[in-house]
């Protein structure tokens, strides 16, 4: 294969006949044109001013023009501004070296961008200088590169998400999960809820959205998002726990009817929302919460595999925090019960002594009163009363200072 593909249709001059068609058995011009039209690459010839002199069928297919439309164009009409700025520099390079290979971006007829790799070589067309180009569509290559870059980005974000789950304070975990899901998915907004198995309700915890939009959204809701509680029917519970995620076109349906239908429809129209991805945080078949990702039409769906990874990681973190809260609650209740038990025992043991002190205080108080009536100083009785009061205070201090 020639080093430069252009040499296939523009061979270097050599001794002998001046044209390949002069050789015995050489293909006709029509055959050559048919071969060029069958080529998988776009082949064009244009003069040094950028006016096209020839283009094959693949060129028209890639750009979306018919033959007559395309041949009326100038190269500068096809190049996007960034590529057009480089035309003169590239022409100088080709003039100096005779050939060049580079990447460009063209506008298709529908104004979408067509990325191309172009190999260009100088030639003579009907007695005047021209440029022969062979171009390859880079759309698939670019798509693969973007997919690879997006995967690398998503993986990095997920790794940061997992690290953050281990360190984020309990009172900020819902905010953190919603914020991370929004950054990963590109969703217009993300809401997150806790599930209470006792009431079978979703308690909304956080809405991650642009503050300006949030104000309009909350005014439509008529209350703070955190105040919304959504009962989950048996049917909806089965739905969210069976699959782990759903995609709905209606905001009303996606929110399980927690928002009045007219309000949900108005919000969806106002915010130009196209679809809603609902995910559940499940671990060991137990539901810990849900999240709703609102997507616009121009926003592609996130990788569902990566979204599943986020879902499972968040579920584990929520389960651990729920388990820790449950452990702390049980420990508090046990301590309280133990405290009450010990205090009960203490009260039982102290009660007779306290009762004796009261009797002692009463007796000496009566005796002191009798002495006062007789005109005698009741000093000894008062000392006994004070001693008894001191002892009583010490007994009460055992209750006041008691801790388990």
Protein backbone atom coordinates (compact mmCIF):
# COMPACT_ATOMS: atom_id res chain seq x y z
CA UNK A 1 0.00 0.00 0.00
CA UNK A 2 1.39 3.46 -0.84
CA UNK A 3 2.65 5.54 2.08
CA UNK A 4 0.06 8.20 1.23
CA UNK A 5 -3.40 6.91 0.17
CA UNK A 6 -3.68 9.80 -2.26
CA UNK A 7 -1.07 8.04 -4.39
CA UNK A 8 -3.69 5.41 -5.23
CA UNK A 9 -5.52 7.80 -7.51
CA UNK A 10 -2.76 10.32 -8.18
CA UNK A 11 0.36 8.22 -8.84
CA UNK A 12 3.74 9.85 -9.15
CA UNK A 13 4.88 10.47 -12.75
CA UNK A 14 7.10 7.81 -14.26
CA UNK A 15 8.66 6.96 -17.55
CA UNK A 16 6.35 5.55 -20.18
CA UNK A 17 2.81 6.48 -21.17
CA UNK A 18 1.55 9.78 -19.73
CA UNK A 19 -1.74 8.26 -18.57
CA UNK A 20 -2.70 4.92 -17.09
CA UNK A 21 -5.50 4.85 -19.62
CA UNK A 22 -2.84 4.74 -22.39
CA UNK A 23 -1.68 1.33 -21.15
CA UNK A 24 -3.11 -1.78 -22.78
CA UNK A 25 -6.02 -3.14 -20.74
CA UNK A 26 -6.25 0.02 -18.59
CA UNK A 27 -9.69 0.83 -17.10
CA UNK A 28 -11.81 3.46 -18.76
CA UNK A 29 -12.48 6.84 -17.18
CA UNK A 30 -16.02 5.72 -16.38
CA UNK A 31 -14.69 2.65 -14.59
CA UNK A 32 -12.30 4.80 -12.55
CA UNK A 33 -15.11 7.17 -11.57
CA UNK A 34 -17.27 4.24 -10.53
CA UNK A 35 -14.39 2.91 -8.44
CA UNK A 36 -14.00 6.29 -6.76
CA UNK A 37 -17.73 6.45 -6.06
CA UNK A 38 -17.52 3.02 -4.45
CA UNK A 39 -14.65 4.04 -2.17
CA UNK A 40 -15.46 3.98 1.58
CA UNK A 41 -13.66 7.30 2.06
CA UNK A 42 -14.64 10.79 0.96
CA UNK A 43 -12.54 11.88 -2.04
CA UNK A 44 -12.53 15.47 -3.27
CA UNK A 45 -10.56 17.76 -5.54
CA UNK A 46 -10.62 21.52 -5.03
CA UNK A 47 -8.57 24.41 -6.33
CA UNK A 48 -6.32 26.59 -4.21
CA UNK A 49 -9.23 28.94 -3.51
CA UNK A 50 -11.31 26.15 -1.99
CA UNK A 51 -13.81 25.71 -4.85
CA UNK A 52 -14.66 22.05 -5.40
CA UNK A 53 -13.90 20.49 -8.78
CA UNK A 54 -14.80 16.88 -7.97
CA UNK A 55 -16.30 14.84 -5.12
CA UNK A 56 -17.27 11.17 -4.89
CA UNK A 57 -20.52 9.69 -3.62
CA UNK A 58 -19.21 9.08 -0.09
CA UNK A 59 -18.51 12.81 0.25
CA UNK A 60 -22.14 13.63 -0.49
CA UNK A 61 -23.38 10.94 1.91
CA UNK A 62 -21.23 12.18 4.78
CA UNK A 63 -22.16 15.84 4.31
CA UNK A 64 -25.83 15.31 3.47
CA UNK A 65 -25.78 17.22 0.16
CA UNK A 66 -26.56 16.06 -3.35
CA UNK A 67 -23.90 16.41 -6.03
CA UNK A 68 -25.02 19.73 -7.49
CA UNK A 69 -25.41 21.32 -4.04
CA UNK A 70 -22.01 20.20 -2.84
CA UNK A 71 -20.05 21.25 -5.91
CA UNK A 72 -21.41 24.79 -5.55
CA UNK A 73 -19.86 25.06 -2.09
CA UNK A 74 -16.50 26.46 -1.09
CA UNK A 75 -14.30 24.70 1.45
CA UNK A 76 -14.68 27.65 3.83
CA UNK A 77 -18.43 27.11 3.89
CA UNK A 78 -17.89 23.57 5.18
CA UNK A 79 -15.19 24.19 7.77
CA UNK A 80 -16.28 25.06 11.29
CA UNK A 81 -14.71 28.35 12.48
CA UNK A 82 -11.87 26.60 14.33
CA UNK A 83 -10.91 24.64 11.22
CA UNK A 84 -11.40 27.60 8.86
CA UNK A 85 -8.84 29.62 10.84
CA UNK A 86 -6.18 27.01 9.98
CA UNK A 87 -6.81 26.85 6.21
CA UNK A 88 -4.07 29.29 5.19
CA UNK A 89 -1.46 27.68 7.45
CA UNK A 90 -2.31 24.25 6.07
CA UNK A 91 -2.19 25.46 2.47
CA UNK A 92 1.29 26.86 3.08
CA UNK A 93 2.40 23.54 4.59
CA UNK A 94 1.01 21.60 1.62
CA UNK A 95 2.67 24.03 -0.79
CA UNK A 96 6.03 23.47 0.93
CA UNK A 97 5.86 19.69 1.38
CA UNK A 98 3.40 18.61 -1.29
CA UNK A 99 1.14 16.79 1.18
CA UNK A 100 -0.26 16.88 4.73
CA UNK A 101 -2.54 14.91 7.05
CA UNK A 102 -4.66 16.55 9.73
CA UNK A 103 -8.06 16.52 11.43
CA UNK A 104 -10.84 18.95 10.57
CA UNK A 105 -14.48 19.47 11.40
CA UNK A 106 -17.07 20.20 8.70
CA UNK A 107 -20.67 21.29 8.92
CA UNK A 108 -23.19 18.88 7.46
CA UNK A 109 -26.20 20.23 5.61
CA UNK A 110 -28.26 19.90 8.81
CA UNK A 111 -25.59 21.99 10.63
CA UNK A 112 -24.36 19.07 12.72
CA UNK A 113 -20.58 18.67 12.98
CA UNK A 114 -18.71 16.02 10.99
CA UNK A 115 -15.20 15.20 12.30
CA UNK A 116 -12.77 14.06 9.60
CA UNK A 117 -9.18 12.96 9.22
CA UNK A 118 -7.93 14.34 5.90
CA UNK A 119 -4.92 13.40 3.81
CA UNK A 120 -4.14 16.05 1.17
CA UNK A 121 -1.74 16.07 -1.76
CA UNK A 122 -1.03 18.57 -4.51
CA UNK A 123 -1.97 17.64 -8.07
CA UNK A 124 -2.75 19.15 -11.44
CA UNK A 125 -6.39 19.20 -12.54
CA UNK A 126 -7.01 20.09 -16.16
CA UNK A 127 -3.79 22.04 -16.34
CA UNK A 128 -4.14 24.02 -13.11
CA UNK A 129 -2.92 23.45 -9.53
CA UNK A 130 -5.37 21.62 -7.29
CA UNK A 131 -5.55 19.66 -4.07
CA UNK A 132 -6.63 16.04 -3.86
CA UNK A 133 -8.09 15.01 -0.47
CA UNK A 134 -9.10 11.68 1.01
CA UNK A 135 -11.10 11.97 4.25
CA UNK A 136 -12.19 9.41 6.84
CA UNK A 137 -15.18 9.88 9.11
CA UNK A 138 -14.00 10.13 12.73
CA UNK A 139 -17.49 10.14 14.27
CA UNK A 140 -17.27 6.59 15.56
CA UNK A 141 -13.72 7.08 16.79
CA UNK A 142 -14.70 10.30 18.55
CA UNK A 143 -17.73 8.61 20.08
CA UNK A 144 -15.54 5.82 21.46
CA UNK A 145 -13.06 8.37 22.81
CA UNK A 146 -15.85 10.35 24.46
CA UNK A 147 -17.32 7.16 25.88
CA UNK A 148 -13.92 6.20 27.29
CA UNK A 149 -13.40 9.67 28.75
CA UNK A 150 -16.90 9.67 30.20
CA UNK A 151 -16.33 6.25 31.77
CA UNK A 152 -13.03 7.42 33.27
CA UNK A 153 -14.74 10.53 34.63
CA UNK A 154 -17.66 8.52 36.01
CA UNK A 155 -15.33 6.04 37.66
CA UNK A 156 -13.34 8.84 39.31
CA UNK A 157 -16.54 10.47 40.57
CA UNK A 158 -17.75 7.14 41.93
CA UNK A 159 -14.49 6.52 43.77
CA UNK A 160 -14.75 9.97 45.37
CA UNK A 161 -18.39 9.23 46.21
CA UNK A 162 -17.50 6.01 48.05
CA UNK A 163 -14.73 7.73 50.01
CA UNK A 164 -17.09 10.55 50.93
CA UNK A 165 -19.77 8.15 52.16
CA UNK A 166 -17.38 6.90 54.81
CA UNK A 167 -16.66 10.38 56.17
CA UNK A 168 -19.77 12.50 55.64
CA UNK A 169 -21.64 13.37 58.88
CA UNK A 170 -24.95 11.57 59.42
CA UNK A 171 -26.98 14.77 59.19
CA UNK A 172 -25.46 15.57 55.77
CA UNK A 173 -25.62 12.17 54.09
CA UNK A 174 -28.84 12.82 52.14
CA UNK A 175 -27.48 16.10 50.82
CA UNK A 176 -24.22 14.38 49.89
CA UNK A 177 -25.88 11.49 48.03
CA UNK A 178 -28.20 13.82 46.08
CA UNK A 179 -25.36 16.18 45.22
CA UNK A 180 -23.18 13.28 44.02
CA UNK A 181 -25.96 11.78 41.91
CA UNK A 182 -26.60 15.14 40.25
CA UNK A 183 -22.91 15.63 39.45
CA UNK A 184 -22.67 12.13 37.99
CA UNK A 185 -25.91 12.02 36.01
CA UNK A 186 -26.22 15.63 34.89
CA UNK A 187 -29.83 15.56 36.10
CA UNK A 188 -31.71 18.84 36.27
CA UNK A 189 -32.57 18.10 39.88
CA UNK A 190 -32.27 15.17 42.28
CA UNK A 191 -34.54 14.49 45.25
CA UNK A 192 -33.89 11.91 47.96
CA UNK A 193 -36.19 10.34 50.54
CA UNK A 194 -36.01 8.06 53.56
CA UNK A 195 -38.37 5.11 53.91
CA UNK A 196 -40.07 4.54 57.26
CA UNK A 197 -41.23 0.90 57.49
CA UNK A 198 -43.53 1.69 60.43
CA UNK A 199 -45.59 4.30 58.59
CA UNK A 200 -44.79 2.88 55.11
CA UNK A 201 -44.06 6.44 53.97
CA UNK A 202 -41.29 8.13 52.05
CA UNK A 203 -40.04 11.14 53.99
CA UNK A 204 -38.38 13.59 51.60
CA UNK A 205 -35.02 14.75 52.93
CA UNK A 206 -33.28 16.88 50.32
CA UNK A 207 -33.71 18.45 46.89
CA UNK A 208 -30.51 19.18 44.96
CA UNK A 209 -31.30 21.91 42.43
CA UNK A 210 -30.19 25.36 41.36
CA UNK A 211 -31.27 27.78 44.14
CA UNK A 212 -33.09 30.06 41.72
CA UNK A 213 -35.11 27.21 40.31
CA UNK A 214 -35.67 25.74 43.77
CA UNK A 215 -37.54 28.87 44.82
CA UNK A 216 -40.01 28.55 41.95
CA UNK A 217 -40.30 24.82 42.50
CA UNK A 218 -41.07 25.14 46.20
CA UNK A 219 -43.60 27.90 45.54
CA UNK A 220 -45.43 25.49 43.26
CA UNK A 221 -45.28 22.74 45.86
CA UNK A 222 -46.63 25.08 48.51
CA UNK A 223 -44.30 23.71 51.18
CA UNK A 224 -40.74 22.74 51.84
CA UNK A 225 -39.62 19.52 50.20
CA UNK A 226 -38.60 18.17 53.60
CA UNK A 227 -42.23 18.46 54.74
CA UNK A 228 -43.55 16.10 52.06
CA UNK A 229 -44.41 12.56 53.15
CA UNK A 230 -45.53 10.07 50.53
CA UNK A 231 -47.46 6.94 51.53
CA UNK A 232 -46.17 3.95 49.57
CA UNK A 233 -48.89 1.53 48.53
CA UNK A 234 -48.29 -2.21 48.34
CA UNK A 235 -48.23 -1.95 44.56
CA UNK A 236 -45.68 0.87 44.52
CA UNK A 237 -43.58 -0.81 47.19
CA UNK A 238 -43.47 -3.96 45.07
CA UNK A 239 -42.58 -1.85 42.02
CA UNK A 240 -39.64 -0.02 43.57
CA UNK A 241 -38.21 -3.05 45.36
CA UNK A 242 -38.53 -5.50 42.48
CA UNK A 243 -36.46 -3.73 39.83
CA UNK A 244 -34.44 -1.19 41.75
CA UNK A 245 -35.02 1.57 39.21
CA UNK A 246 -37.72 2.90 36.89
CA UNK A 247 -38.04 5.51 34.14
CA UNK A 248 -41.26 7.52 33.99
CA UNK A 249 -42.40 10.20 31.55
CA UNK A 250 -44.85 11.78 34.00
CA UNK A 251 -43.69 13.70 37.06
CA UNK A 252 -46.97 12.87 38.80
CA UNK A 253 -46.40 9.13 38.32
CA UNK A 254 -42.71 9.37 39.22
CA UNK A 255 -43.59 11.09 42.51
CA UNK A 256 -46.16 8.37 43.38
CA UNK A 257 -48.90 10.97 43.33
CA UNK A 258 -47.39 12.94 46.24
CA UNK A 259 -47.72 16.14 44.19
CA UNK A 260 -51.15 17.14 42.83
CA UNK A 261 -51.42 16.26 39.14
CA UNK A 262 -51.95 19.87 37.91
CA UNK A 263 -48.98 21.10 39.94
CA UNK A 264 -46.77 18.23 38.73
CA UNK A 265 -47.74 18.91 35.11
CA UNK A 266 -47.08 22.65 35.50
CA UNK A 267 -43.67 21.99 37.06
CA UNK A 268 -42.74 19.54 34.32
CA UNK A 269 -43.66 22.06 31.64
CA UNK A 270 -42.03 25.01 33.40
CA UNK A 271 -38.73 23.19 33.88
CA UNK A 272 -38.83 21.44 30.47
CA UNK A 273 -38.47 18.03 32.07
CA UNK A 274 -38.63 15.03 29.75
CA UNK A 275 -38.30 11.94 31.95
CA UNK A 276 -37.62 10.85 35.51
CA UNK A 277 -35.28 8.09 36.67
CA UNK A 278 -36.31 6.65 40.01
CA UNK A 279 -33.84 4.53 41.98
CA UNK A 280 -34.20 2.70 45.28
CA UNK A 281 -31.67 2.13 48.02
CA UNK A 282 -32.11 -1.56 48.82
CA UNK A 283 -29.85 -3.80 50.87
CA UNK A 284 -30.69 -7.35 51.94
CA UNK A 285 -34.21 -6.78 50.56
CA UNK A 286 -34.79 -3.89 52.97
CA UNK A 287 -35.77 -0.51 51.55
CA UNK A 288 -33.88 2.43 53.06
CA UNK A 289 -34.97 5.18 50.69
CA UNK A 290 -35.44 6.37 47.12
CA UNK A 291 -34.09 9.04 44.81
CA UNK A 292 -35.58 10.76 41.76
CA UNK A 293 -33.42 12.13 38.93
CA UNK A 294 -35.22 14.63 36.67
CA UNK A 295 -33.80 14.72 33.14
CA UNK A 296 -34.31 17.18 30.31
CA UNK A 297 -34.65 16.07 26.69
CA UNK A 298 -31.18 17.32 25.77
CA UNK A 299 -29.59 15.39 28.64
CA UNK A 300 -28.49 11.81 27.83
CA UNK A 301 -29.29 9.04 30.27
CA UNK A 302 -26.43 8.23 32.63
CA UNK A 303 -24.76 4.83 32.51
CA UNK A 304 -27.24 2.51 34.18
CA UNK A 305 -24.43 0.18 35.27
CA UNK A 306 -22.70 3.05 37.04
CA UNK A 307 -26.01 4.27 38.46
CA UNK A 308 -26.53 0.80 39.92
CA UNK A 309 -23.12 1.08 41.58
CA UNK A 310 -24.13 4.42 43.13
CA UNK A 311 -27.41 2.88 44.25
CA UNK A 312 -25.77 -0.06 46.01
CA UNK A 313 -23.04 2.04 47.64
CA UNK A 314 -25.59 4.53 48.97
CA UNK A 315 -27.82 1.69 50.22
CA UNK A 316 -24.93 0.17 52.18
CA UNK A 317 -24.08 3.54 53.72
CA UNK A 318 -27.71 4.19 54.66
CA UNK A 319 -28.01 0.69 56.11
CA UNK A 320 -24.89 1.17 58.22
CA UNK A 321 -26.18 4.48 59.56
CA UNK A 322 -29.61 3.00 60.19
CA UNK A 323 -28.00 0.09 62.02
CA UNK A 324 -25.87 2.47 64.06
CA UNK A 325 -28.91 4.58 64.94
CA UNK A 326 -30.81 1.45 65.92
CA UNK A 327 -27.89 0.26 68.04
CA UNK A 328 -27.66 3.64 69.77
CA UNK A 329 -31.41 3.68 70.36
CA UNK A 330 -31.36 0.20 71.89
CA UNK A 331 -28.36 1.14 74.00
CA UNK A 332 -30.09 4.30 75.25
CA UNK A 333 -33.25 2.38 76.09
CA UNK A 334 -31.25 -0.31 77.87
CA UNK A 335 -29.36 2.30 79.88
CA UNK A 336 -32.58 4.04 80.80
CA UNK A 337 -34.19 0.78 81.86
CA UNK A 338 -31.09 -0.15 83.85
CA UNK A 339 -31.06 3.26 85.46
CA UNK A 340 -34.69 3.00 86.47
CA UNK A 341 -34.13 -0.50 87.83
CA UNK A 342 -31.17 0.56 89.96
CA UNK A 343 -32.93 3.69 91.11
CA UNK A 344 -35.91 1.55 92.09
CA UNK A 345 -33.67 -0.72 94.12
CA UNK A 346 -31.94 2.27 95.67
CA UNK A 347 -35.25 3.88 96.55
CA UNK A 348 -36.43 0.64 98.14
CA UNK A 349 -33.32 0.38 100.28
CA UNK A 350 -33.32 4.06 101.26
CA UNK A 351 -37.04 4.41 101.96
CA UNK A 352 -36.97 2.94 105.53
CA UNK A 353 -34.00 5.10 106.48
CA UNK A 354 -35.64 8.18 105.03
CA UNK A 355 -38.87 7.40 106.87
CA UNK A 356 -36.93 7.03 110.14
CA UNK A 357 -35.31 10.42 109.53
CA UNK A 358 -38.69 12.03 109.04
CA UNK A 359 -39.91 10.49 112.29
CA UNK A 360 -36.76 11.70 114.06
CA UNK A 361 -37.21 15.23 112.70
CA UNK A 362 -40.87 15.21 113.69
CA UNK A 363 -40.20 14.07 117.26
CA UNK A 364 -37.46 16.62 117.91
CA UNK A 365 -39.51 19.38 116.30
CA UNK A 366 -42.41 18.64 118.66
CA UNK A 367 -40.03 18.50 121.63
CA UNK A 368 -38.46 21.82 120.62
CA UNK A 369 -41.89 23.40 120.33
CA UNK A 370 -42.79 22.17 123.85
CA UNK A 371 -39.60 23.68 125.25
CA UNK A 372 -40.31 27.00 123.60
CA UNK A 373 -43.77 27.04 125.13
CA UNK A 374 -42.18 26.32 128.53
CA UNK A 375 -39.66 29.12 128.02
CA UNK A 376 -36.69 26.77 127.67
CA UNK A 377 -34.13 27.01 124.82
CA UNK A 378 -34.55 24.01 122.40
CA UNK A 379 -30.90 23.99 121.29
CA UNK A 380 -30.30 20.24 121.51
CA UNK A 381 -33.52 19.41 119.65
CA UNK A 382 -32.70 21.85 116.86
CA UNK A 383 -29.24 20.32 116.48
CA UNK A 384 -30.84 16.89 116.11
CA UNK A 385 -33.20 18.28 113.45
CA UNK A 386 -30.31 19.84 111.52
CA UNK A 387 -28.31 16.60 111.64
CA UNK A 388 -31.31 14.67 110.34
CA UNK A 389 -31.82 17.17 107.52
CA UNK A 390 -28.16 16.82 106.57
CA UNK A 391 -28.47 13.04 106.45
CA UNK A 392 -31.63 13.35 104.33
CA UNK A 393 -29.83 15.61 101.87
CA UNK A 394 -27.02 13.08 101.53
CA UNK A 395 -29.56 10.37 100.77
CA UNK A 396 -31.25 12.54 98.13
CA UNK A 397 -27.85 13.31 96.64
CA UNK A 398 -27.46 9.64 95.83
CA UNK A 399 -30.48 9.94 93.51
CA UNK A 400 -29.48 13.27 92.03
CA UNK A 401 -25.94 12.21 91.18
CA UNK A 402 -26.86 8.71 90.08
CA UNK A 403 -25.79 7.73 86.54
CA UNK A 404 -25.45 4.39 84.79
